[in-house]
Amino acid sequence: MLILQLELFNQIFMAKLSAILLTLWLAFPTFAQVNKSILYKIEGDSLEVIVLLITEQEVKFKLFAEPQGPEYALSKSRVHKIRFGNGREEVYTDLNAYVQGLEVNSPLSLPTNNSPSGNTLTAEQKTIMEGQAYRDATENYDPRGAFWGNAAASFLFPPAGLVSAIATSSTTPNQLRLNIPKSEFSSHPVYLNAYQKAARRLKGRQAWSGFGAGIAVNVVLYLLLVATVSQ
């Protein structure tokens, strides 16, 4: 009898440990990607890369998704910054100076009470500002609460987790939680709108990841329970 109780306890313990490890693995899938760097271009988009060489004029790299693929080179004048796998960052082109230095008919300026929102921006300036807003949201907005909240809801009661994930992903984050960094762009409507959209996407991704993690944990526990009962 004692042996059966110990065996049952061991199975329950291993089931809980497996569930915890699975949740952590789903929440932090990039632990092992130490060689991946993020190259941010001045146009606003970014690339996941493996940096090969940085010279005075250019950055040579391969795409992280294609480590055996071709080698690329990009002029430093087109690179805003690189965030390396260890968290270190190097800035090559100051984005604010680049935007201000664009040769346009209307200078970039923050809107006043007498100017329509965004009318002072050219299409190129708007693209760059939106790209900066997306990068700022990625670096400053923390959506992990959406993950853990929806993971708990879907683990305890999957239908409630589904409703919670839908609601969470369809609403803009609370203004107090956006954590918008202060800059000369931070009060511009174009920047604010792009930042809020980026934060909403990030929150939505975490919400659905949390829902999936909660369902996965339930499935693992169910399979282990069935295996235990069938023995």
C-alpha atoms as a PDB file:
ATOM      1  CA  MET A   1       0.000   0.000   0.000  1.00  0.00           C
ATOM      2  CA  LEU A   2       2.782   2.397   0.930  1.00  0.00           C
ATOM      3  CA  ILE A   3       4.601   1.627  -2.309  1.00  0.00           C
ATOM      4  CA  LEU A   4       1.470   2.440  -4.342  1.00  0.00           C
ATOM      5  CA  GLN A   5       1.025   5.723  -2.493  1.00  0.00           C
ATOM      6  CA  LEU A   6       4.645   6.691  -3.107  1.00  0.00           C
ATOM      7  CA  GLU A   7       4.349   5.806  -6.768  1.00  0.00           C
ATOM      8  CA  LEU A   8       1.156   7.869  -7.099  1.00  0.00           C
ATOM      9  CA  PHE A   9       2.817  10.803  -5.322  1.00  0.00           C
ATOM     10  CA  ASN A  10       5.802  10.565  -7.654  1.00  0.00           C
ATOM     11  CA  GLN A  11       3.575  10.561 -10.726  1.00  0.00           C
ATOM     12  CA  ILE A  12       1.626  13.599  -9.497  1.00  0.00           C
ATOM     13  CA  PHE A  13       4.877  15.420  -8.690  1.00  0.00           C
ATOM     14  CA  MET A  14       6.322  14.678 -12.130  1.00  0.00           C
ATOM     15  CA  ALA A  15       3.085  15.811 -13.761  1.00  0.00           C
ATOM     16  CA  LYS A  16       3.217  19.152 -11.969  1.00  0.00           C
ATOM     17  CA  LEU A  17       6.915  19.561 -12.770  1.00  0.00           C
ATOM     18  CA  SER A  18       6.280  18.818 -16.446  1.00  0.00           C
ATOM     19  CA  ALA A  19       3.454  21.354 -16.487  1.00  0.00           C
ATOM     20  CA  ILE A  20       5.651  24.054 -14.954  1.00  0.00           C
ATOM     21  CA  LEU A  21       8.519  23.363 -17.351  1.00  0.00           C
ATOM     22  CA  LEU A  22       6.166  23.383 -20.328  1.00  0.00           C
ATOM     23  CA  THR A  23       4.703  26.725 -19.272  1.00  0.00           C
ATOM     24  CA  LEU A  24       8.143  28.256 -18.871  1.00  0.00           C
ATOM     25  CA  TRP A  25       9.239  26.881 -22.239  1.00  0.00           C
ATOM     26  CA  LEU A  26       6.201  28.415 -23.940  1.00  0.00           C
ATOM     27  CA  ALA A  27       6.661  31.723 -22.154  1.00  0.00           C
ATOM     28  CA  PHE A  28      10.359  32.118 -22.891  1.00  0.00           C
ATOM     29  CA  PRO A  29      11.076  30.395 -26.213  1.00  0.00           C
ATOM     30  CA  THR A  30      14.222  32.355 -27.050  1.00  0.00           C
ATOM     31  CA  PHE A  31      16.522  31.404 -24.181  1.00  0.00           C
ATOM     32  CA  ALA A  32      18.824  29.443 -26.451  1.00  0.00           C
ATOM     33  CA  GLN A  33      18.967  32.041 -29.231  1.00  0.00           C
ATOM     34  CA  VAL A  34      22.071  33.746 -27.873  1.00  0.00           C
ATOM     35  CA  ASN A  35      23.506  34.343 -31.336  1.00  0.00           C
ATOM     36  CA  LYS A  36      20.455  36.166 -32.642  1.00  0.00           C
ATOM     37  CA  SER A  37      20.786  39.918 -33.008  1.00  0.00           C
ATOM     38  CA  ILE A  38      18.138  42.434 -34.028  1.00  0.00           C
ATOM     39  CA  LEU A  39      19.185  44.923 -36.706  1.00  0.00           C
ATOM     40  CA  TYR A  40      16.970  48.032 -36.727  1.00  0.00           C
ATOM     41  CA  LYS A  41      16.942  49.943 -40.011  1.00  0.00           C
ATOM     42  CA  ILE A  42      16.291  53.670 -40.177  1.00  0.00           C
ATOM     43  CA  GLU A  43      13.206  53.039 -42.337  1.00  0.00           C
ATOM     44  CA  GLY A  44      11.506  51.456 -39.329  1.00  0.00           C
ATOM     45  CA  ASP A  45      11.681  47.733 -40.058  1.00  0.00           C
ATOM     46  CA  SER A  46      13.986  45.265 -38.336  1.00  0.00           C
ATOM     47  CA  LEU A  47      15.747  41.998 -39.162  1.00  0.00           C
ATOM     48  CA  GLU A  48      16.726  39.000 -37.061  1.00  0.00           C
ATOM     49  CA  VAL A  49      20.348  38.433 -38.042  1.00  0.00           C
ATOM     50  CA  ILE A  50      23.654  36.790 -37.214  1.00  0.00           C
ATOM     51  CA  VAL A  51      26.228  39.578 -37.271  1.00  0.00           C
ATOM     52  CA  LEU A  52      29.434  38.529 -39.059  1.00  0.00           C
ATOM     53  CA  LEU A  53      31.479  41.705 -39.257  1.00  0.00           C
ATOM     54  CA  ILE A  54      31.108  45.415 -38.525  1.00  0.00           C
ATOM     55  CA  THR A  55      33.414  47.785 -40.371  1.00  0.00           C
ATOM     56  CA  GLU A  56      33.568  51.571 -40.462  1.00  0.00           C
ATOM     57  CA  GLN A  57      31.265  51.661 -43.496  1.00  0.00           C
ATOM     58  CA  GLU A  58      28.933  48.658 -43.266  1.00  0.00           C
ATOM     59  CA  VAL A  59      27.476  45.758 -41.326  1.00  0.00           C
ATOM     60  CA  LYS A  60      27.827  42.249 -42.736  1.00  0.00           C
ATOM     61  CA  PHE A  61      25.351  39.624 -41.590  1.00  0.00           C
ATOM     62  CA  LYS A  62      23.282  36.554 -42.398  1.00  0.00           C
ATOM     63  CA  LEU A  63      19.579  36.171 -41.739  1.00  0.00           C
ATOM     64  CA  PHE A  64      19.001  34.263 -38.496  1.00  0.00           C
ATOM     65  CA  ALA A  65      16.404  32.063 -40.204  1.00  0.00           C
ATOM     66  CA  GLU A  66      18.938  31.178 -42.941  1.00  0.00           C
ATOM     67  CA  PRO A  67      22.312  30.567 -41.235  1.00  0.00           C
ATOM     68  CA  GLN A  68      23.556  28.687 -44.299  1.00  0.00           C
ATOM     69  CA  GLY A  69      22.195  31.297 -46.692  1.00  0.00           C
ATOM     70  CA  PRO A  70      23.862  34.222 -48.435  1.00  0.00           C
ATOM     71  CA  GLU A  71      25.836  36.954 -46.711  1.00  0.00           C
ATOM     72  CA  TYR A  72      24.410  40.469 -46.760  1.00  0.00           C
ATOM     73  CA  ALA A  73      25.947  43.902 -46.240  1.00  0.00           C
ATOM     74  CA  LEU A  74      24.176  47.090 -45.224  1.00  0.00           C
ATOM     75  CA  SER A  75      25.649  50.570 -45.025  1.00  0.00           C
ATOM     76  CA  LYS A  76      25.852  51.931 -41.481  1.00  0.00           C
ATOM     77  CA  SER A  77      24.012  55.022 -42.675  1.00  0.00           C
ATOM     78  CA  ARG A  78      20.923  52.807 -43.096  1.00  0.00           C
ATOM     79  CA  VAL A  79      21.295  51.092 -39.712  1.00  0.00           C
ATOM     80  CA  HIS A  80      19.729  52.748 -36.693  1.00  0.00           C
ATOM     81  CA  LYS A  81      21.085  50.286 -34.149  1.00  0.00           C
ATOM     82  CA  ILE A  82      21.834  46.630 -33.416  1.00  0.00           C
ATOM     83  CA  ARG A  83      20.719  44.779 -30.325  1.00  0.00           C
ATOM     84  CA  PHE A  84      22.998  41.798 -29.826  1.00  0.00           C
ATOM     85  CA  GLY A  85      22.020  38.457 -28.318  1.00  0.00           C
ATOM     86  CA  ASN A  86      23.553  39.319 -24.962  1.00  0.00           C
ATOM     87  CA  GLY A  87      21.401  42.447 -24.662  1.00  0.00           C
ATOM     88  CA  ARG A  88      24.113  44.956 -25.619  1.00  0.00           C
ATOM     89  CA  GLU A  89      23.140  47.679 -28.089  1.00  0.00           C
ATOM     90  CA  GLU A  90      25.157  49.769 -30.518  1.00  0.00           C
ATOM     91  CA  VAL A  91      23.625  52.826 -32.187  1.00  0.00           C
ATOM     92  CA  TYR A  92      25.034  53.812 -35.596  1.00  0.00           C
ATOM     93  CA  THR A  93      22.570  56.401 -36.895  1.00  0.00           C
ATOM     94  CA  ASP A  94      20.664  58.747 -34.599  1.00  0.00           C
ATOM     95  CA  LEU A  95      17.049  58.432 -35.667  1.00  0.00           C
ATOM     96  CA  ASN A  96      15.938  61.852 -34.465  1.00  0.00           C
ATOM     97  CA  ALA A  97      18.774  63.562 -36.319  1.00  0.00           C
ATOM     98  CA  TYR A  98      17.988  61.539 -39.440  1.00  0.00           C
ATOM     99  CA  VAL A  99      14.315  62.506 -39.414  1.00  0.00           C
ATOM    100  CA  GLN A 100      15.113  66.171 -38.812  1.00  0.00           C
ATOM    101  CA  GLY A 101      17.694  66.106 -41.592  1.00  0.00           C
ATOM    102  CA  LEU A 102      15.391  64.830 -44.325  1.00  0.00           C
ATOM    103  CA  GLU A 103      15.081  67.207 -47.241  1.00  0.00           C
ATOM    104  CA  VAL A 104      11.359  67.966 -47.259  1.00  0.00           C
ATOM    105  CA  ASN A 105       9.165  70.932 -48.076  1.00  0.00           C
ATOM    106  CA  SER A 106       7.676  71.039 -44.591  1.00  0.00           C
ATOM    107  CA  PRO A 107       9.939  70.522 -41.577  1.00  0.00           C
ATOM    108  CA  LEU A 108       9.113  67.893 -39.005  1.00  0.00           C
ATOM    109  CA  SER A 109       7.490  69.583 -36.037  1.00  0.00           C
ATOM    110  CA  LEU A 110       5.107  68.684 -33.305  1.00  0.00           C
ATOM    111  CA  PRO A 111       1.501  69.682 -33.996  1.00  0.00           C
ATOM    112  CA  THR A 112       0.109  72.828 -32.437  1.00  0.00           C
ATOM    113  CA  ASN A 113      -3.441  73.735 -31.555  1.00  0.00           C
ATOM    114  CA  ASN A 114      -3.806  75.366 -34.982  1.00  0.00           C
ATOM    115  CA  SER A 115      -2.334  72.511 -37.048  1.00  0.00           C
ATOM    116  CA  PRO A 116      -4.162  69.315 -38.058  1.00  0.00           C
ATOM    117  CA  SER A 117      -2.711  66.116 -36.621  1.00  0.00           C
ATOM    118  CA  GLY A 118       0.054  64.744 -38.768  1.00  0.00           C
ATOM    119  CA  ASN A 119      -0.158  67.352 -41.562  1.00  0.00           C
ATOM    120  CA  THR A 120       3.442  68.410 -40.971  1.00  0.00           C
ATOM    121  CA  LEU A 121       4.785  64.960 -41.844  1.00  0.00           C
ATOM    122  CA  THR A 122       5.800  63.611 -45.212  1.00  0.00           C
ATOM    123  CA  ALA A 123       5.113  59.966 -46.017  1.00  0.00           C
ATOM    124  CA  GLU A 124       8.752  59.055 -45.334  1.00  0.00           C
ATOM    125  CA  GLN A 125       8.815  60.870 -42.005  1.00  0.00           C
ATOM    126  CA  LYS A 126       5.555  59.216 -40.973  1.00  0.00           C
ATOM    127  CA  THR A 127       6.966  55.770 -41.821  1.00  0.00           C
ATOM    128  CA  ILE A 128      10.105  56.415 -39.799  1.00  0.00           C
ATOM    129  CA  MET A 129       8.147  57.786 -36.839  1.00  0.00           C
ATOM    130  CA  GLU A 130       5.835  54.767 -36.863  1.00  0.00           C
ATOM    131  CA  GLY A 131       8.852  52.476 -36.984  1.00  0.00           C
ATOM    132  CA  GLN A 132      10.345  54.256 -33.977  1.00  0.00           C
ATOM    133  CA  ALA A 133       7.044  53.907 -32.129  1.00  0.00           C
ATOM    134  CA  TYR A 134       6.990  50.162 -32.820  1.00  0.00           C
ATOM    135  CA  ARG A 135      10.556  49.756 -31.546  1.00  0.00           C
ATOM    136  CA  ASP A 136       9.808  51.828 -28.463  1.00  0.00           C
ATOM    137  CA  ALA A 137       6.704  49.758 -27.704  1.00  0.00           C
ATOM    138  CA  THR A 138       8.681  46.528 -28.088  1.00  0.00           C
ATOM    139  CA  GLU A 139      11.342  47.781 -25.689  1.00  0.00           C
ATOM    140  CA  ASN A 140       9.199  49.590 -23.102  1.00  0.00           C
ATOM    141  CA  TYR A 141       5.718  48.066 -22.984  1.00  0.00           C
ATOM    142  CA  ASP A 142       5.486  44.930 -20.823  1.00  0.00           C
ATOM    143  CA  PRO A 143       2.659  42.593 -21.940  1.00  0.00           C
ATOM    144  CA  ARG A 144       3.579  39.631 -19.707  1.00  0.00           C
ATOM    145  CA  GLY A 145       0.556  40.194 -17.479  1.00  0.00           C
ATOM    146  CA  ALA A 146      -1.660  39.236 -20.430  1.00  0.00           C
ATOM    147  CA  PHE A 147       0.211  35.947 -20.756  1.00  0.00           C
ATOM    148  CA  TRP A 148      -0.052  34.872 -17.137  1.00  0.00           C
ATOM    149  CA  GLY A 149      -3.612  36.063 -16.692  1.00  0.00           C
ATOM    150  CA  ASN A 150      -4.876  34.134 -19.724  1.00  0.00           C
ATOM    151  CA  ALA A 151      -2.716  31.108 -18.909  1.00  0.00           C
ATOM    152  CA  ALA A 152      -4.309  30.901 -15.461  1.00  0.00           C
ATOM    153  CA  ALA A 153      -7.823  31.415 -16.850  1.00  0.00           C
ATOM    154  CA  SER A 154      -7.482  28.747 -19.550  1.00  0.00           C
ATOM    155  CA  PHE A 155      -5.872  26.331 -17.082  1.00  0.00           C
ATOM    156  CA  LEU A 156      -8.679  26.683 -14.529  1.00  0.00           C
ATOM    157  CA  PHE A 157     -11.562  26.850 -17.035  1.00  0.00           C
ATOM    158  CA  PRO A 158     -10.726  26.774 -20.779  1.00  0.00           C
ATOM    159  CA  PRO A 159     -13.934  28.486 -22.004  1.00  0.00           C
ATOM    160  CA  ALA A 160     -13.235  31.388 -19.658  1.00  0.00           C
ATOM    161  CA  GLY A 161      -9.665  31.477 -20.951  1.00  0.00           C
ATOM    162  CA  LEU A 162     -10.927  31.720 -24.528  1.00  0.00           C
ATOM    163  CA  VAL A 163     -13.259  34.599 -23.692  1.00  0.00           C
ATOM    164  CA  SER A 164     -10.463  36.325 -21.778  1.00  0.00           C
ATOM    165  CA  ALA A 165      -7.987  35.942 -24.660  1.00  0.00           C
ATOM    166  CA  ILE A 166     -10.472  37.402 -27.149  1.00  0.00           C
ATOM    167  CA  ALA A 167     -11.257  40.334 -24.869  1.00  0.00           C
ATOM    168  CA  THR A 168      -7.615  40.999 -24.018  1.00  0.00           C
ATOM    169  CA  SER A 169      -6.401  40.921 -27.619  1.00  0.00           C
ATOM    170  CA  SER A 170      -9.186  43.206 -28.861  1.00  0.00           C
ATOM    171  CA  THR A 171      -8.632  46.068 -26.414  1.00  0.00           C
ATOM    172  CA  THR A 172      -5.933  48.730 -26.306  1.00  0.00           C
ATOM    173  CA  PRO A 173      -3.713  48.585 -23.205  1.00  0.00           C
ATOM    174  CA  ASN A 174      -4.416  50.975 -20.373  1.00  0.00           C
ATOM    175  CA  GLN A 175      -2.722  54.331 -20.899  1.00  0.00           C
ATOM    176  CA  LEU A 176      -1.010  54.079 -17.516  1.00  0.00           C
ATOM    177  CA  ARG A 177       0.641  50.789 -18.545  1.00  0.00           C
ATOM    178  CA  LEU A 178       1.944  51.885 -21.947  1.00  0.00           C
ATOM    179  CA  ASN A 179       5.199  53.212 -20.453  1.00  0.00           C
ATOM    180  CA  ILE A 180       5.812  55.563 -23.389  1.00  0.00           C
ATOM    181  CA  PRO A 181       9.395  56.889 -23.281  1.00  0.00           C
ATOM    182  CA  LYS A 182       9.887  60.634 -23.324  1.00  0.00           C
ATOM    183  CA  SER A 183      11.229  62.012 -26.600  1.00  0.00           C
ATOM    184  CA  GLU A 184      10.523  64.819 -29.031  1.00  0.00           C
ATOM    185  CA  PHE A 185       8.100  62.471 -30.823  1.00  0.00           C
ATOM    186  CA  SER A 186       6.224  61.114 -27.789  1.00  0.00           C
ATOM    187  CA  SER A 187       3.426  63.713 -27.918  1.00  0.00           C
ATOM    188  CA  HIS A 188       2.866  63.495 -31.668  1.00  0.00           C
ATOM    189  CA  PRO A 189      -0.468  61.851 -32.657  1.00  0.00           C
ATOM    190  CA  VAL A 190       1.172  59.713 -35.365  1.00  0.00           C
ATOM    191  CA  TYR A 191       3.691  58.350 -32.875  1.00  0.00           C
ATOM    192  CA  LEU A 192       1.094  57.792 -30.143  1.00  0.00           C
ATOM    193  CA  ASN A 193      -1.288  55.990 -32.490  1.00  0.00           C
ATOM    194  CA  ALA A 194       1.471  53.704 -33.801  1.00  0.00           C
ATOM    195  CA  TYR A 195       2.730  53.002 -30.265  1.00  0.00           C
ATOM    196  CA  GLN A 196      -0.757  52.049 -29.061  1.00  0.00           C
ATOM    197  CA  LYS A 197      -1.296  49.751 -32.052  1.00  0.00           C
ATOM    198  CA  ALA A 198       2.056  48.051 -31.457  1.00  0.00           C
ATOM    199  CA  ALA A 199       1.317  47.614 -27.745  1.00  0.00           C
ATOM    200  CA  ARG A 200      -2.070  46.121 -28.579  1.00  0.00           C
ATOM    201  CA  ARG A 201      -0.472  43.600 -30.943  1.00  0.00           C
ATOM    202  CA  LEU A 202       2.100  42.657 -28.324  1.00  0.00           C
ATOM    203  CA  LYS A 203      -0.597  42.222 -25.685  1.00  0.00           C
ATOM    204  CA  GLY A 204      -2.683  40.130 -28.076  1.00  0.00           C
ATOM    205  CA  ARG A 205       0.218  37.804 -28.855  1.00  0.00           C
ATOM    206  CA  GLN A 206       0.902  37.273 -25.164  1.00  0.00           C
ATOM    207  CA  ALA A 207      -2.799  36.711 -24.454  1.00  0.00           C
ATOM    208  CA  TRP A 208      -3.086  33.931 -27.037  1.00  0.00           C
ATOM    209  CA  SER A 209       0.254  32.446 -25.995  1.00  0.00           C
ATOM    210  CA  GLY A 210      -1.037  32.313 -22.428  1.00  0.00           C
ATOM    211  CA  PHE A 211      -4.269  30.683 -23.579  1.00  0.00           C
ATOM    212  CA  GLY A 212      -2.295  28.075 -25.495  1.00  0.00           C
ATOM    213  CA  ALA A 213      -0.003  27.431 -22.525  1.00  0.00           C
ATOM    214  CA  GLY A 214      -2.943  26.868 -20.197  1.00  0.00           C
ATOM    215  CA  ILE A 215      -4.562  24.445 -22.646  1.00  0.00           C
ATOM    216  CA  ALA A 216      -1.251  22.618 -23.142  1.00  0.00           C
ATOM    217  CA  VAL A 217      -0.800  22.183 -19.393  1.00  0.00           C
ATOM    218  CA  ASN A 218      -4.337  20.806 -19.107  1.00  0.00           C
ATOM    219  CA  VAL A 219      -3.684  18.342 -21.924  1.00  0.00           C
ATOM    220  CA  VAL A 220      -0.435  17.147 -20.313  1.00  0.00           C
ATOM    221  CA  LEU A 221      -2.105  16.677 -16.919  1.00  0.00           C
ATOM    222  CA  TYR A 222      -5.029  14.852 -18.509  1.00  0.00           C
ATOM    223  CA  LEU A 223      -2.760  12.457 -20.399  1.00  0.00           C
ATOM    224  CA  LEU A 224      -0.721  11.762 -17.270  1.00  0.00           C
ATOM    225  CA  LEU A 225      -3.886  11.163 -15.274  1.00  0.00           C
ATOM    226  CA  VAL A 226      -5.219   8.745 -17.883  1.00  0.00           C
ATOM    227  CA  ALA A 227      -1.898   6.914 -17.922  1.00  0.00           C
ATOM    228  CA  THR A 228      -1.928   6.696 -14.125  1.00  0.00           C
ATOM    229  CA  VAL A 229      -5.483   5.388 -13.915  1.00  0.00           C
ATOM    230  CA  SER A 230      -4.950   2.832 -16.677  1.00  0.00           C
ATOM    231  CA  GLN A 231      -1.998   1.216 -14.866  1.00  0.00           C
END
